[in-house]
N, C-alpha and C. Protein backbone atom coordinates (compact mmCIF):
# COMPACT_ATOMS: atom_id res chain seq x y z
N MET A 1 24.61 14.09 -3.02
CA MET A 1 23.62 12.79 -2.37
C MET A 1 23.41 13.49 -0.97
N SER A 2 22.29 12.97 -0.54
CA SER A 2 21.58 13.68 0.72
C SER A 2 22.54 12.79 1.70
N ALA A 3 22.56 13.38 3.16
CA ALA A 3 23.29 12.70 4.28
C ALA A 3 22.26 11.65 4.59
N ASP A 4 20.78 11.82 4.35
CA ASP A 4 19.77 10.78 4.57
C ASP A 4 19.73 9.96 3.49
N PRO A 5 19.97 8.75 3.38
CA PRO A 5 19.80 7.91 2.42
C PRO A 5 18.46 7.80 1.82
N HIS A 6 17.63 7.90 2.58
CA HIS A 6 16.12 7.61 2.36
C HIS A 6 15.56 8.78 1.49
N LEU A 7 16.48 9.87 1.24
CA LEU A 7 15.82 11.15 0.41
C LEU A 7 16.82 11.26 -0.85
N ASN A 8 17.53 10.22 -1.51
CA ASN A 8 18.46 10.26 -2.38
C ASN A 8 17.50 9.82 -3.78
N ARG A 9 17.82 10.76 -4.74
CA ARG A 9 16.88 10.53 -6.11
C ARG A 9 15.51 11.17 -6.01
N LEU A 10 15.14 11.47 -5.18
CA LEU A 10 13.77 12.07 -5.25
C LEU A 10 13.75 13.50 -6.06
N PRO A 11 12.59 13.57 -6.83
CA PRO A 11 12.65 14.45 -7.78
C PRO A 11 12.59 16.09 -7.25
N GLY A 12 12.31 16.49 -6.17
CA GLY A 12 12.23 17.74 -5.83
C GLY A 12 12.05 17.97 -4.16
N PRO A 13 12.22 19.20 -3.81
CA PRO A 13 12.07 19.47 -2.36
C PRO A 13 10.95 18.63 -1.48
N ILE A 14 11.34 18.07 -0.14
CA ILE A 14 10.53 17.51 0.61
C ILE A 14 9.18 18.45 1.07
N VAL A 15 8.06 17.89 0.97
CA VAL A 15 6.90 18.83 1.37
C VAL A 15 6.26 18.06 2.34
N HIS A 16 6.71 16.79 2.92
CA HIS A 16 6.03 15.99 3.93
C HIS A 16 6.68 14.85 4.21
N ASP A 17 7.07 14.55 5.31
CA ASP A 17 8.11 13.47 6.02
C ASP A 17 7.35 13.00 7.26
N GLU A 18 6.92 11.96 7.35
CA GLU A 18 6.40 11.58 8.55
C GLU A 18 6.45 9.81 8.90
N ILE A 19 6.91 9.44 9.96
CA ILE A 19 7.10 8.19 10.29
C ILE A 19 5.27 7.43 10.70
N VAL A 20 4.98 6.38 10.03
CA VAL A 20 3.79 5.79 10.35
C VAL A 20 4.22 4.59 11.70
N PRO A 21 3.59 4.77 12.54
CA PRO A 21 4.08 3.74 13.81
C PRO A 21 3.64 1.97 13.21
N ALA A 22 4.03 1.09 13.70
CA ALA A 22 3.68 -0.21 13.41
C ALA A 22 2.10 -0.15 13.72
N ARG A 23 1.17 -0.90 12.78
CA ARG A 23 0.21 -1.27 12.88
C ARG A 23 -0.82 0.05 12.88
N ALA A 24 -0.45 1.07 12.69
CA ALA A 24 -0.93 2.36 12.24
C ALA A 24 -1.58 2.76 10.94
N PRO A 25 -2.84 3.57 10.98
CA PRO A 25 -3.20 4.01 9.90
C PRO A 25 -2.79 5.28 9.35
N TRP A 26 -2.66 5.91 8.02
CA TRP A 26 -2.42 7.13 7.63
C TRP A 26 -3.05 7.60 6.30
N LEU A 27 -3.13 8.53 6.32
CA LEU A 27 -4.10 9.54 5.36
C LEU A 27 -3.61 10.81 4.86
N HIS A 28 -3.24 11.09 3.62
CA HIS A 28 -2.60 12.39 3.08
C HIS A 28 -3.04 12.52 1.85
N LYS A 29 -3.07 13.72 1.54
CA LYS A 29 -3.14 14.28 -0.16
C LYS A 29 -1.74 14.17 -0.49
N VAL A 30 -1.81 13.84 -1.89
CA VAL A 30 -0.60 13.87 -2.80
C VAL A 30 -1.04 14.57 -4.05
N ALA A 31 -0.58 15.74 -4.35
CA ALA A 31 -0.83 16.52 -5.46
C ALA A 31 -0.50 15.92 -6.75
N ALA A 32 -0.84 16.27 -7.64
CA ALA A 32 -0.56 15.64 -9.27
C ALA A 32 0.61 16.43 -9.32
N GLY A 33 1.86 15.39 -9.75
CA GLY A 33 2.94 15.86 -10.01
C GLY A 33 4.20 15.39 -9.01
N GLN A 34 3.38 15.30 -7.65
CA GLN A 34 4.21 15.02 -6.79
C GLN A 34 4.60 13.42 -6.46
N THR A 35 5.63 13.22 -5.76
CA THR A 35 6.11 11.66 -5.79
C THR A 35 6.14 11.19 -4.24
N LEU A 36 5.33 10.34 -4.03
CA LEU A 36 5.05 9.70 -2.55
C LEU A 36 6.14 8.49 -2.48
N ARG A 37 7.15 8.60 -1.42
CA ARG A 37 8.10 7.51 -1.30
C ARG A 37 7.63 6.78 -0.21
N ILE A 38 7.69 5.45 -0.18
CA ILE A 38 7.40 4.64 1.02
C ILE A 38 8.70 3.84 1.37
N VAL A 39 9.07 4.07 2.56
CA VAL A 39 10.36 3.40 3.26
C VAL A 39 10.07 2.21 3.78
N ASP A 40 10.54 1.19 3.93
CA ASP A 40 10.64 0.04 4.53
C ASP A 40 11.44 0.07 5.60
N LEU A 41 11.29 0.84 6.63
CA LEU A 41 12.24 1.31 7.57
C LEU A 41 13.35 -0.23 8.09
N GLU A 42 12.72 -1.15 8.58
CA GLU A 42 13.04 -2.27 9.29
C GLU A 42 12.96 -3.66 8.34
N GLY A 43 12.50 -3.56 7.23
CA GLY A 43 12.03 -4.61 6.42
C GLY A 43 11.07 -5.60 6.65
N ASN A 44 10.52 -6.31 5.59
CA ASN A 44 9.67 -7.29 5.49
C ASN A 44 8.27 -6.59 6.00
N GLN A 45 7.91 -5.36 5.93
CA GLN A 45 6.68 -4.74 6.41
C GLN A 45 5.79 -4.68 5.18
N ALA A 46 4.67 -5.23 5.47
CA ALA A 46 3.41 -4.91 4.24
C ALA A 46 2.88 -3.89 4.26
N VAL A 47 2.36 -2.91 3.32
CA VAL A 47 2.04 -1.91 3.35
C VAL A 47 0.78 -1.55 2.50
N ASP A 48 -0.24 -2.12 3.32
CA ASP A 48 -1.59 -1.80 2.37
C ASP A 48 -2.01 -0.46 2.05
N PHE A 49 -2.82 -0.64 1.08
CA PHE A 49 -2.36 1.10 0.22
C PHE A 49 -3.83 1.27 -0.64
N LEU A 50 -4.56 2.15 -0.58
CA LEU A 50 -5.72 2.56 -1.11
C LEU A 50 -5.57 3.90 -1.80
N ILE A 51 -6.24 4.37 -2.96
CA ILE A 51 -6.29 5.73 -3.75
C ILE A 51 -7.40 6.07 -3.98
N TYR A 52 -7.80 7.25 -3.65
CA TYR A 52 -9.10 8.28 -4.19
C TYR A 52 -8.74 9.09 -4.70
N ALA A 53 -9.40 9.78 -5.82
CA ALA A 53 -9.37 10.89 -6.62
C ALA A 53 -9.53 12.04 -5.69
N ALA A 54 -9.02 12.81 -5.38
CA ALA A 54 -9.20 13.99 -4.20
C ALA A 54 -10.49 15.13 -4.79
N ALA A 55 -10.55 15.14 -6.33
CA ALA A 55 -11.84 16.03 -6.78
C ALA A 55 -12.90 15.18 -6.59
N ASP A 56 -12.90 13.76 -6.44
CA ASP A 56 -14.39 13.21 -6.45
C ASP A 56 -14.03 11.72 -6.10
N ASP A 57 -14.14 11.18 -4.86
CA ASP A 57 -13.68 10.15 -4.09
C ASP A 57 -14.56 8.89 -4.56
N ALA A 58 -15.40 8.96 -5.44
CA ALA A 58 -16.00 7.98 -6.44
C ALA A 58 -15.18 7.05 -7.34
N GLU A 59 -14.16 8.21 -7.50
CA GLU A 59 -13.23 7.33 -8.33
C GLU A 59 -12.16 7.08 -7.47
N ARG A 60 -11.75 5.87 -7.60
CA ARG A 60 -10.85 5.20 -6.58
C ARG A 60 -10.13 4.30 -7.22
N TYR A 61 -9.05 3.44 -6.69
CA TYR A 61 -8.43 2.57 -7.25
C TYR A 61 -8.89 1.22 -7.56
N CYS A 62 -8.60 0.74 -8.95
CA CYS A 62 -9.31 -0.56 -9.13
C CYS A 62 -8.21 -1.44 -9.52
N ALA A 63 -8.33 -2.65 -8.91
CA ALA A 63 -7.35 -3.83 -9.03
C ALA A 63 -7.36 -4.34 -10.48
N GLN A 64 -8.74 -4.62 -10.77
CA GLN A 64 -9.11 -5.11 -12.13
C GLN A 64 -8.67 -4.47 -13.34
N ALA A 65 -8.80 -3.10 -13.17
CA ALA A 65 -8.37 -2.05 -14.38
C ALA A 65 -7.09 -2.20 -14.46
N THR A 66 -6.25 -2.03 -13.31
CA THR A 66 -5.01 -2.16 -13.37
C THR A 66 -4.32 -3.36 -13.88
N VAL A 67 -4.83 -4.24 -13.57
CA VAL A 67 -4.24 -5.72 -13.81
C VAL A 67 -4.63 -5.97 -15.45
N ALA A 68 -5.61 -5.28 -16.05
CA ALA A 68 -5.80 -5.49 -17.26
C ALA A 68 -5.19 -4.57 -18.10
N ALA A 69 -5.00 -3.54 -17.67
CA ALA A 69 -4.31 -2.25 -18.25
C ALA A 69 -2.78 -2.85 -18.73
N GLN A 70 -2.27 -3.58 -17.78
CA GLN A 70 -0.67 -4.10 -18.05
C GLN A 70 -0.44 -5.49 -18.29
N ALA A 71 -1.71 -5.91 -18.19
CA ALA A 71 -1.84 -7.60 -18.54
C ALA A 71 -0.94 -8.28 -17.64
N ASN A 72 -0.86 -8.21 -16.56
CA ASN A 72 0.21 -9.00 -15.52
C ASN A 72 -0.76 -8.53 -14.14
N LEU A 73 -0.26 -9.66 -13.38
CA LEU A 73 -0.80 -9.61 -11.96
C LEU A 73 0.09 -8.29 -10.97
N PHE A 74 1.32 -8.60 -11.15
CA PHE A 74 2.12 -7.92 -10.33
C PHE A 74 2.39 -6.37 -10.68
N LEU A 75 2.56 -5.58 -9.85
CA LEU A 75 2.91 -4.11 -9.95
C LEU A 75 4.29 -3.96 -9.71
N ARG A 76 4.87 -3.08 -10.78
CA ARG A 76 6.14 -3.24 -11.08
C ARG A 76 6.48 -1.70 -11.53
N THR A 77 8.08 -1.39 -11.37
CA THR A 77 8.23 -0.08 -11.79
C THR A 77 7.81 0.27 -13.22
N GLY A 78 6.86 1.40 -13.44
CA GLY A 78 6.31 1.69 -14.45
C GLY A 78 4.72 1.20 -14.73
N THR A 79 4.42 0.52 -13.57
CA THR A 79 3.00 0.35 -13.65
C THR A 79 2.18 1.56 -13.24
N ARG A 80 1.06 1.70 -14.02
CA ARG A 80 -0.02 2.80 -13.55
C ARG A 80 -1.01 2.10 -12.85
N LEU A 81 -1.14 2.97 -11.75
CA LEU A 81 -2.49 2.46 -11.02
C LEU A 81 -3.59 3.41 -11.41
N MET A 82 -4.75 2.23 -11.90
CA MET A 82 -5.57 2.62 -12.70
C MET A 82 -7.08 2.88 -11.75
N SER A 83 -7.69 3.78 -12.29
CA SER A 83 -8.92 4.19 -11.30
C SER A 83 -10.26 3.28 -11.93
N ASN A 84 -11.22 3.15 -11.27
CA ASN A 84 -12.65 2.63 -11.73
C ASN A 84 -13.00 3.32 -12.94
N GLU A 85 -12.59 4.60 -13.35
CA GLU A 85 -13.21 5.28 -14.43
C GLU A 85 -11.95 5.09 -15.66
N GLY A 86 -11.07 4.40 -15.33
CA GLY A 86 -10.10 3.97 -16.52
C GLY A 86 -8.97 4.86 -16.95
N ARG A 87 -8.51 5.92 -15.71
CA ARG A 87 -7.75 6.79 -15.63
C ARG A 87 -6.58 6.74 -14.52
N PRO A 88 -5.34 6.80 -15.02
CA PRO A 88 -4.15 6.59 -13.88
C PRO A 88 -4.33 7.50 -13.00
N LEU A 89 -3.95 7.04 -11.71
CA LEU A 89 -4.16 7.87 -10.24
C LEU A 89 -2.74 8.06 -9.94
N MET A 90 -1.74 6.89 -10.15
CA MET A 90 -0.47 7.23 -9.75
C MET A 90 0.42 6.14 -10.69
N THR A 91 1.72 6.41 -10.53
CA THR A 91 2.64 5.32 -11.48
C THR A 91 3.86 5.07 -10.34
N ILE A 92 3.82 3.91 -10.59
CA ILE A 92 5.40 3.26 -9.69
C ILE A 92 6.59 3.95 -10.62
N THR A 93 7.04 4.52 -10.19
CA THR A 93 8.26 5.44 -11.16
C THR A 93 9.63 4.67 -10.51
N ALA A 94 9.60 4.01 -9.54
CA ALA A 94 10.84 3.45 -9.03
C ALA A 94 10.51 2.40 -7.85
N SER A 95 11.43 1.16 -7.62
CA SER A 95 10.96 0.57 -6.80
C SER A 95 12.11 -0.69 -6.52
N ASP A 96 12.63 -0.62 -5.28
CA ASP A 96 13.82 -1.12 -4.95
C ASP A 96 13.42 -2.85 -4.93
N VAL A 97 12.13 -3.44 -4.88
CA VAL A 97 11.91 -4.65 -5.06
C VAL A 97 11.23 -4.77 -6.28
N PRO A 98 11.38 -6.25 -6.97
CA PRO A 98 10.90 -6.50 -8.14
C PRO A 98 9.52 -6.37 -8.35
N TYR A 99 8.63 -6.61 -7.18
CA TYR A 99 7.07 -6.37 -7.81
C TYR A 99 6.67 -6.19 -6.27
N HIS A 100 4.99 -5.84 -6.44
CA HIS A 100 4.42 -5.78 -5.65
C HIS A 100 3.07 -6.29 -5.75
N ASP A 101 1.98 -6.64 -4.63
CA ASP A 101 0.76 -7.37 -4.61
C ASP A 101 -0.58 -6.47 -4.75
N THR A 102 -1.19 -7.06 -5.74
CA THR A 102 -2.77 -6.24 -5.72
C THR A 102 -3.65 -7.18 -5.50
N ILE A 103 -3.76 -8.63 -5.26
CA ILE A 103 -4.78 -9.39 -5.10
C ILE A 103 -4.78 -10.09 -3.87
N GLY A 104 -3.85 -9.68 -2.82
CA GLY A 104 -3.78 -10.47 -1.53
C GLY A 104 -5.07 -10.01 -0.87
N GLY A 105 -5.64 -8.86 -0.95
CA GLY A 105 -6.62 -8.10 -0.27
C GLY A 105 -5.94 -7.54 1.19
N ALA A 106 -6.71 -7.19 1.99
CA ALA A 106 -6.45 -6.79 3.44
C ALA A 106 -7.11 -7.60 4.45
N CYS A 107 -5.95 -7.70 5.33
CA CYS A 107 -6.66 -8.58 6.56
C CYS A 107 -7.85 -7.82 7.48
N SER A 108 -8.77 -8.74 8.00
CA SER A 108 -9.76 -8.19 8.59
C SER A 108 -10.04 -9.25 10.06
N CYS A 109 -10.90 -8.58 10.79
CA CYS A 109 -11.13 -9.49 11.96
C CYS A 109 -11.55 -10.77 11.37
N GLU A 110 -12.62 -10.65 10.47
CA GLU A 110 -13.40 -11.66 10.07
C GLU A 110 -12.32 -12.67 9.54
N SER A 111 -11.62 -12.03 8.51
CA SER A 111 -10.46 -13.08 7.77
C SER A 111 -9.58 -13.88 8.98
N ASN A 112 -9.16 -12.98 9.78
CA ASN A 112 -8.36 -13.68 10.73
C ASN A 112 -8.93 -14.62 11.39
N THR A 113 -10.09 -14.62 11.75
CA THR A 113 -10.89 -15.73 12.41
C THR A 113 -10.98 -16.95 11.46
N LEU A 114 -11.19 -16.75 10.19
CA LEU A 114 -11.47 -17.84 9.42
C LEU A 114 -10.23 -18.51 9.29
N ARG A 115 -9.27 -17.67 9.02
CA ARG A 115 -7.63 -18.41 8.58
C ARG A 115 -7.16 -18.93 10.09
N TYR A 116 -7.04 -18.00 10.79
CA TYR A 116 -6.07 -18.52 12.19
C TYR A 116 -6.84 -18.97 13.43
N GLY A 117 -8.02 -18.92 13.23
CA GLY A 117 -8.61 -19.64 14.61
C GLY A 117 -9.41 -18.15 15.33
N HIS A 118 -10.51 -18.43 16.08
CA HIS A 118 -11.47 -17.49 16.72
C HIS A 118 -10.70 -16.73 17.73
N HIS A 119 -9.73 -17.19 18.40
CA HIS A 119 -8.85 -16.53 19.23
C HIS A 119 -8.16 -15.00 18.74
N THR A 120 -8.36 -15.12 17.60
CA THR A 120 -7.62 -13.98 16.60
C THR A 120 -8.66 -12.87 16.72
N VAL A 121 -9.94 -12.70 16.70
CA VAL A 121 -10.89 -12.10 16.48
C VAL A 121 -10.89 -10.56 16.99
N SER A 122 -10.16 -10.32 18.13
CA SER A 122 -9.98 -9.14 18.78
C SER A 122 -8.82 -8.54 18.20
N GLN A 123 -7.90 -9.34 17.37
CA GLN A 123 -6.83 -8.56 17.30
C GLN A 123 -6.98 -7.60 16.02
N HIS A 124 -6.41 -6.29 15.70
CA HIS A 124 -6.32 -5.38 14.96
C HIS A 124 -6.14 -5.87 13.72
N ALA A 125 -6.63 -5.05 12.40
CA ALA A 125 -6.60 -5.67 11.12
C ALA A 125 -6.56 -4.29 10.20
N CYS A 126 -5.91 -4.74 9.19
CA CYS A 126 -5.83 -3.55 8.02
C CYS A 126 -7.58 -2.73 7.77
N VAL A 127 -8.40 -3.79 7.54
CA VAL A 127 -9.76 -3.16 7.27
C VAL A 127 -10.01 -2.09 8.43
N GLU A 128 -9.72 -2.30 9.71
CA GLU A 128 -9.88 -1.55 10.72
C GLU A 128 -9.14 -0.25 10.58
N ASN A 129 -7.77 -0.22 10.15
CA ASN A 129 -7.04 0.81 9.93
C ASN A 129 -7.66 1.48 8.73
N PHE A 130 -8.18 0.91 7.57
CA PHE A 130 -8.66 1.73 6.49
C PHE A 130 -9.90 2.51 7.00
N LEU A 131 -10.73 1.94 7.67
CA LEU A 131 -12.02 2.66 8.21
C LEU A 131 -11.82 3.64 9.08
N GLU A 132 -10.87 3.53 9.95
CA GLU A 132 -10.17 4.71 10.87
C GLU A 132 -10.04 5.92 9.85
N ALA A 133 -8.86 5.54 8.93
CA ALA A 133 -8.46 6.67 8.34
C ALA A 133 -9.57 7.47 7.39
N ASN A 134 -10.40 6.51 6.60
CA ASN A 134 -11.16 6.88 5.75
C ASN A 134 -12.74 7.61 6.65
N LEU A 135 -12.99 7.25 7.74
CA LEU A 135 -13.95 8.18 8.47
C LEU A 135 -13.74 9.64 8.76
N ARG A 136 -12.31 9.81 8.61
CA ARG A 136 -12.08 11.44 8.87
C ARG A 136 -12.77 12.16 7.64
N GLN A 137 -12.96 11.53 6.31
CA GLN A 137 -13.35 12.30 5.08
C GLN A 137 -14.54 11.81 4.78
N GLY A 138 -15.31 10.83 5.55
CA GLY A 138 -16.72 10.46 5.42
C GLY A 138 -16.92 9.36 4.75
N ARG A 139 -15.70 8.63 4.51
CA ARG A 139 -16.06 7.34 3.50
C ARG A 139 -16.18 6.08 4.56
N GLY A 140 -16.96 5.18 4.16
CA GLY A 140 -17.31 4.07 5.25
C GLY A 140 -16.92 2.60 4.66
N LYS A 141 -17.34 1.63 5.23
CA LYS A 141 -16.66 0.29 4.70
C LYS A 141 -17.18 -0.02 3.31
N ARG A 142 -18.08 0.50 2.83
CA ARG A 142 -18.44 0.40 1.16
C ARG A 142 -17.22 1.11 0.42
N ASP A 143 -16.68 1.88 0.94
CA ASP A 143 -15.57 2.68 0.19
C ASP A 143 -14.16 2.13 0.30
N ILE A 144 -14.27 0.89 1.09
CA ILE A 144 -12.77 0.05 0.97
C ILE A 144 -12.94 -0.87 -0.23
N VAL A 145 -12.07 -0.70 -1.38
CA VAL A 145 -12.09 -1.73 -2.33
C VAL A 145 -10.83 -2.47 -2.24
N PRO A 146 -10.58 -3.74 -3.12
CA PRO A 146 -9.62 -4.55 -3.18
C PRO A 146 -8.34 -3.66 -3.37
N ASN A 147 -7.13 -3.68 -2.57
CA ASN A 147 -6.10 -2.65 -2.09
C ASN A 147 -4.77 -3.08 -2.68
N ILE A 148 -3.93 -2.51 -2.87
CA ILE A 148 -2.51 -2.62 -2.99
C ILE A 148 -1.95 -3.07 -1.74
N ASN A 149 -0.64 -3.96 -1.52
CA ASN A 149 0.02 -4.33 -0.82
C ASN A 149 1.68 -4.33 -1.29
N PHE A 150 2.01 -2.93 -0.82
CA PHE A 150 3.17 -2.90 -1.45
C PHE A 150 4.18 -3.65 -0.31
N PHE A 151 5.53 -4.21 -0.75
CA PHE A 151 6.46 -5.08 -0.39
C PHE A 151 5.74 -6.39 -0.16
N MET A 152 4.75 -6.72 -0.30
CA MET A 152 3.83 -8.04 0.07
C MET A 152 4.21 -8.96 -0.93
N ASN A 153 4.53 -10.20 -0.37
CA ASN A 153 4.69 -11.33 -1.64
C ASN A 153 3.57 -12.41 -1.70
N VAL A 154 2.82 -12.17 -2.66
CA VAL A 154 1.64 -13.34 -2.78
C VAL A 154 2.03 -13.90 -3.90
N PRO A 155 2.63 -15.07 -4.16
CA PRO A 155 2.98 -15.90 -5.32
C PRO A 155 1.38 -16.47 -5.61
N VAL A 156 1.46 -16.61 -6.93
CA VAL A 156 0.04 -17.57 -7.32
C VAL A 156 1.00 -18.89 -7.82
N GLU A 157 0.58 -19.96 -7.10
CA GLU A 157 0.96 -21.21 -7.20
C GLU A 157 0.48 -22.08 -8.76
N GLU A 158 0.94 -23.01 -9.09
CA GLU A 158 0.55 -23.47 -10.29
C GLU A 158 -0.78 -24.14 -10.54
N ASP A 159 -1.40 -24.59 -9.39
CA ASP A 159 -2.90 -24.72 -9.16
C ASP A 159 -3.84 -23.54 -9.29
N GLY A 160 -3.02 -22.48 -8.98
CA GLY A 160 -3.82 -21.10 -9.05
C GLY A 160 -4.13 -20.68 -7.60
N ALA A 161 -3.67 -21.48 -6.54
CA ALA A 161 -3.85 -21.05 -5.09
C ALA A 161 -2.71 -19.89 -4.97
N LEU A 162 -3.55 -18.76 -4.06
CA LEU A 162 -2.40 -17.85 -3.67
C LEU A 162 -1.57 -18.11 -2.24
N GLY A 163 -0.42 -17.61 -2.46
CA GLY A 163 0.58 -17.89 -1.33
C GLY A 163 0.85 -16.76 -0.50
N ILE A 164 0.93 -16.59 1.12
CA ILE A 164 1.38 -15.41 1.68
C ILE A 164 2.65 -15.98 2.25
N VAL A 165 3.81 -15.49 1.82
CA VAL A 165 5.08 -16.03 2.24
C VAL A 165 5.90 -14.79 2.70
N ASP A 166 7.21 -14.79 3.02
CA ASP A 166 8.06 -13.90 3.34
C ASP A 166 8.19 -12.50 2.27
N GLY A 167 8.01 -11.49 2.85
CA GLY A 167 7.81 -10.31 2.17
C GLY A 167 9.16 -10.39 1.32
N LEU A 168 9.08 -9.34 0.15
CA LEU A 168 10.42 -9.27 -0.58
C LEU A 168 11.69 -8.31 -0.32
N SER A 169 10.98 -7.51 0.85
CA SER A 169 11.85 -6.44 1.28
C SER A 169 12.93 -6.37 2.13
N ALA A 170 13.60 -5.42 2.10
CA ALA A 170 14.82 -5.16 3.70
C ALA A 170 14.85 -3.84 4.16
N PRO A 171 15.60 -3.87 4.95
CA PRO A 171 15.56 -2.48 5.91
C PRO A 171 16.17 -1.28 5.01
N GLY A 172 15.31 -0.02 4.76
CA GLY A 172 15.54 0.71 4.10
C GLY A 172 14.86 0.85 2.37
N LEU A 173 14.70 -0.26 2.26
CA LEU A 173 14.29 -0.36 0.47
C LEU A 173 13.16 0.47 0.48
N THR A 174 12.86 0.97 -0.65
CA THR A 174 11.86 1.90 -1.07
C THR A 174 10.95 1.54 -2.56
N VAL A 175 9.75 2.31 -2.38
CA VAL A 175 8.99 2.29 -3.49
C VAL A 175 8.45 3.80 -3.96
N ASP A 176 8.52 4.40 -5.27
CA ASP A 176 8.16 5.78 -5.55
C ASP A 176 7.03 5.88 -6.43
N LEU A 177 6.00 6.53 -6.02
CA LEU A 177 4.87 6.86 -6.90
C LEU A 177 4.43 8.31 -7.07
N ARG A 178 4.38 8.41 -8.27
CA ARG A 178 4.07 9.68 -8.90
C ARG A 178 2.65 9.86 -9.15
N ALA A 179 2.05 10.91 -8.34
CA ALA A 179 0.72 10.96 -8.68
C ALA A 179 0.24 11.80 -10.19
N GLU A 180 -0.58 11.24 -10.87
CA GLU A 180 -1.07 11.54 -12.07
C GLU A 180 -2.34 12.64 -12.00
N MET A 181 -2.78 12.76 -11.08
CA MET A 181 -3.97 13.59 -10.73
C MET A 181 -3.85 13.79 -8.97
N ASP A 182 -4.62 14.85 -8.67
CA ASP A 182 -4.48 15.16 -7.17
C ASP A 182 -5.35 13.73 -6.53
N VAL A 183 -4.80 13.39 -5.57
CA VAL A 183 -5.09 12.00 -4.89
C VAL A 183 -4.96 12.09 -3.00
N ILE A 184 -5.90 11.22 -2.93
CA ILE A 184 -5.78 10.81 -1.48
C ILE A 184 -5.43 9.59 -1.20
N VAL A 185 -4.43 9.50 -0.66
CA VAL A 185 -3.86 8.23 -0.06
C VAL A 185 -4.20 7.60 1.32
N VAL A 186 -4.53 6.25 1.41
CA VAL A 186 -4.84 5.89 2.44
C VAL A 186 -4.03 4.66 2.66
N VAL A 187 -3.30 4.57 4.01
CA VAL A 187 -2.46 3.42 4.22
C VAL A 187 -2.96 2.81 5.73
N SER A 188 -2.88 1.10 5.57
CA SER A 188 -2.83 0.50 6.68
C SER A 188 -1.53 -0.02 6.73
N ASN A 189 -0.69 0.33 7.66
CA ASN A 189 0.68 -0.16 8.03
C ASN A 189 0.66 -1.42 8.82
N CYS A 190 0.39 -2.48 7.74
CA CYS A 190 -0.39 -3.74 8.12
C CYS A 190 -0.05 -4.36 9.71
N PRO A 191 -0.94 -4.55 10.32
CA PRO A 191 -0.63 -5.18 11.81
C PRO A 191 -0.57 -6.93 12.05
N GLN A 192 -0.69 -7.39 10.96
CA GLN A 192 -0.85 -8.98 10.98
C GLN A 192 0.25 -9.52 11.42
N ILE A 193 0.07 -10.23 12.42
CA ILE A 193 1.08 -11.07 13.14
C ILE A 193 1.03 -12.81 13.21
N ASN A 194 0.09 -13.17 12.20
CA ASN A 194 -0.46 -14.51 11.86
C ASN A 194 0.37 -15.10 10.71
N ASN A 195 0.88 -14.29 10.10
CA ASN A 195 1.46 -15.13 8.65
C ASN A 195 2.82 -14.38 8.31
N PRO A 196 3.87 -14.52 7.51
CA PRO A 196 5.09 -13.97 7.33
C PRO A 196 5.11 -12.69 6.87
N CYS A 197 4.05 -12.28 6.23
CA CYS A 197 3.93 -10.98 5.36
C CYS A 197 4.55 -9.85 5.96
N ASN A 198 4.90 -9.80 7.59
CA ASN A 198 5.28 -8.70 8.25
C ASN A 198 6.53 -9.46 9.24
N ALA A 199 6.90 -10.65 9.00
CA ALA A 199 7.96 -11.40 9.41
C ALA A 199 7.41 -11.67 10.80
N PHE A 200 6.18 -11.58 11.08
CA PHE A 200 5.44 -11.92 12.39
C PHE A 200 5.62 -10.65 13.38
N ASN A 201 6.14 -9.62 12.68
CA ASN A 201 6.70 -8.52 13.60
C ASN A 201 6.37 -7.22 13.19
N PRO A 202 5.24 -6.91 13.09
CA PRO A 202 5.14 -5.20 12.34
C PRO A 202 5.92 -4.23 12.97
N THR A 203 6.37 -3.19 11.98
CA THR A 203 7.31 -2.28 12.31
C THR A 203 6.96 -1.03 11.66
N PRO A 204 7.49 -0.29 11.77
CA PRO A 204 7.36 1.33 11.29
C PRO A 204 7.77 1.47 9.93
N VAL A 205 6.98 2.45 9.16
CA VAL A 205 7.31 2.64 7.65
C VAL A 205 7.21 4.45 7.76
N ARG A 206 8.12 4.96 6.79
CA ARG A 206 8.26 6.39 6.42
C ARG A 206 7.44 6.95 5.27
N MET A 207 6.82 7.76 5.39
CA MET A 207 6.12 8.37 3.94
C MET A 207 6.60 9.62 3.97
N ILE A 208 7.28 9.73 2.63
CA ILE A 208 8.05 10.95 2.06
C ILE A 208 7.19 11.59 0.76
N ILE A 209 7.04 12.88 1.07
CA ILE A 209 6.23 13.31 -0.23
C ILE A 209 7.21 14.46 -1.02
N SER A 210 7.65 14.45 -1.99
CA SER A 210 8.31 15.30 -2.76
C SER A 210 7.65 16.08 -3.73
N ALA A 211 7.88 17.35 -4.18
CA ALA A 211 7.20 18.13 -5.22
C ALA A 211 8.04 17.95 -6.41
């Protein structure tokens, strides 16, 4: 067992290990067969997540295909994260929380204003993080699709309404994803401070890639 508990049960040697600061974007390639572990270092931190095929980024994560393939709204251990071409991009191989969200979307300056008032318009948001990271590889706003929210709790109420409530995580909990092809992962370490998805206090996360 590793002296660092965040490295336990990883399938191979570490090829990348990085702390993503609170509110920050992150982009990295994960090769086919490699495992990406996301560590919620302080607990209750939402991690907004996009996937693009490295060979052709016109192929990217598709929430609708993923939901349809597993006939369930929530992402769990064993869920294959599907592309708009109907192919698996990554698979959730382990998760310390029971499920993750793929319907709540990413916060933006516009949605903050609508939900929380005009005084929030200048607050940084996940869409801006996605834009900042994607611009490094020539992608723009049209390339941002409905995303995954790891550790985020978005229950569907009896009347069909979506809730945003306290996250499911706690300090040190993890989710592991195996790449089924070479992919580019784009993350917004969510900066939201107006709802409880981050306990109103965005915190760092750790991204570990193992061979």
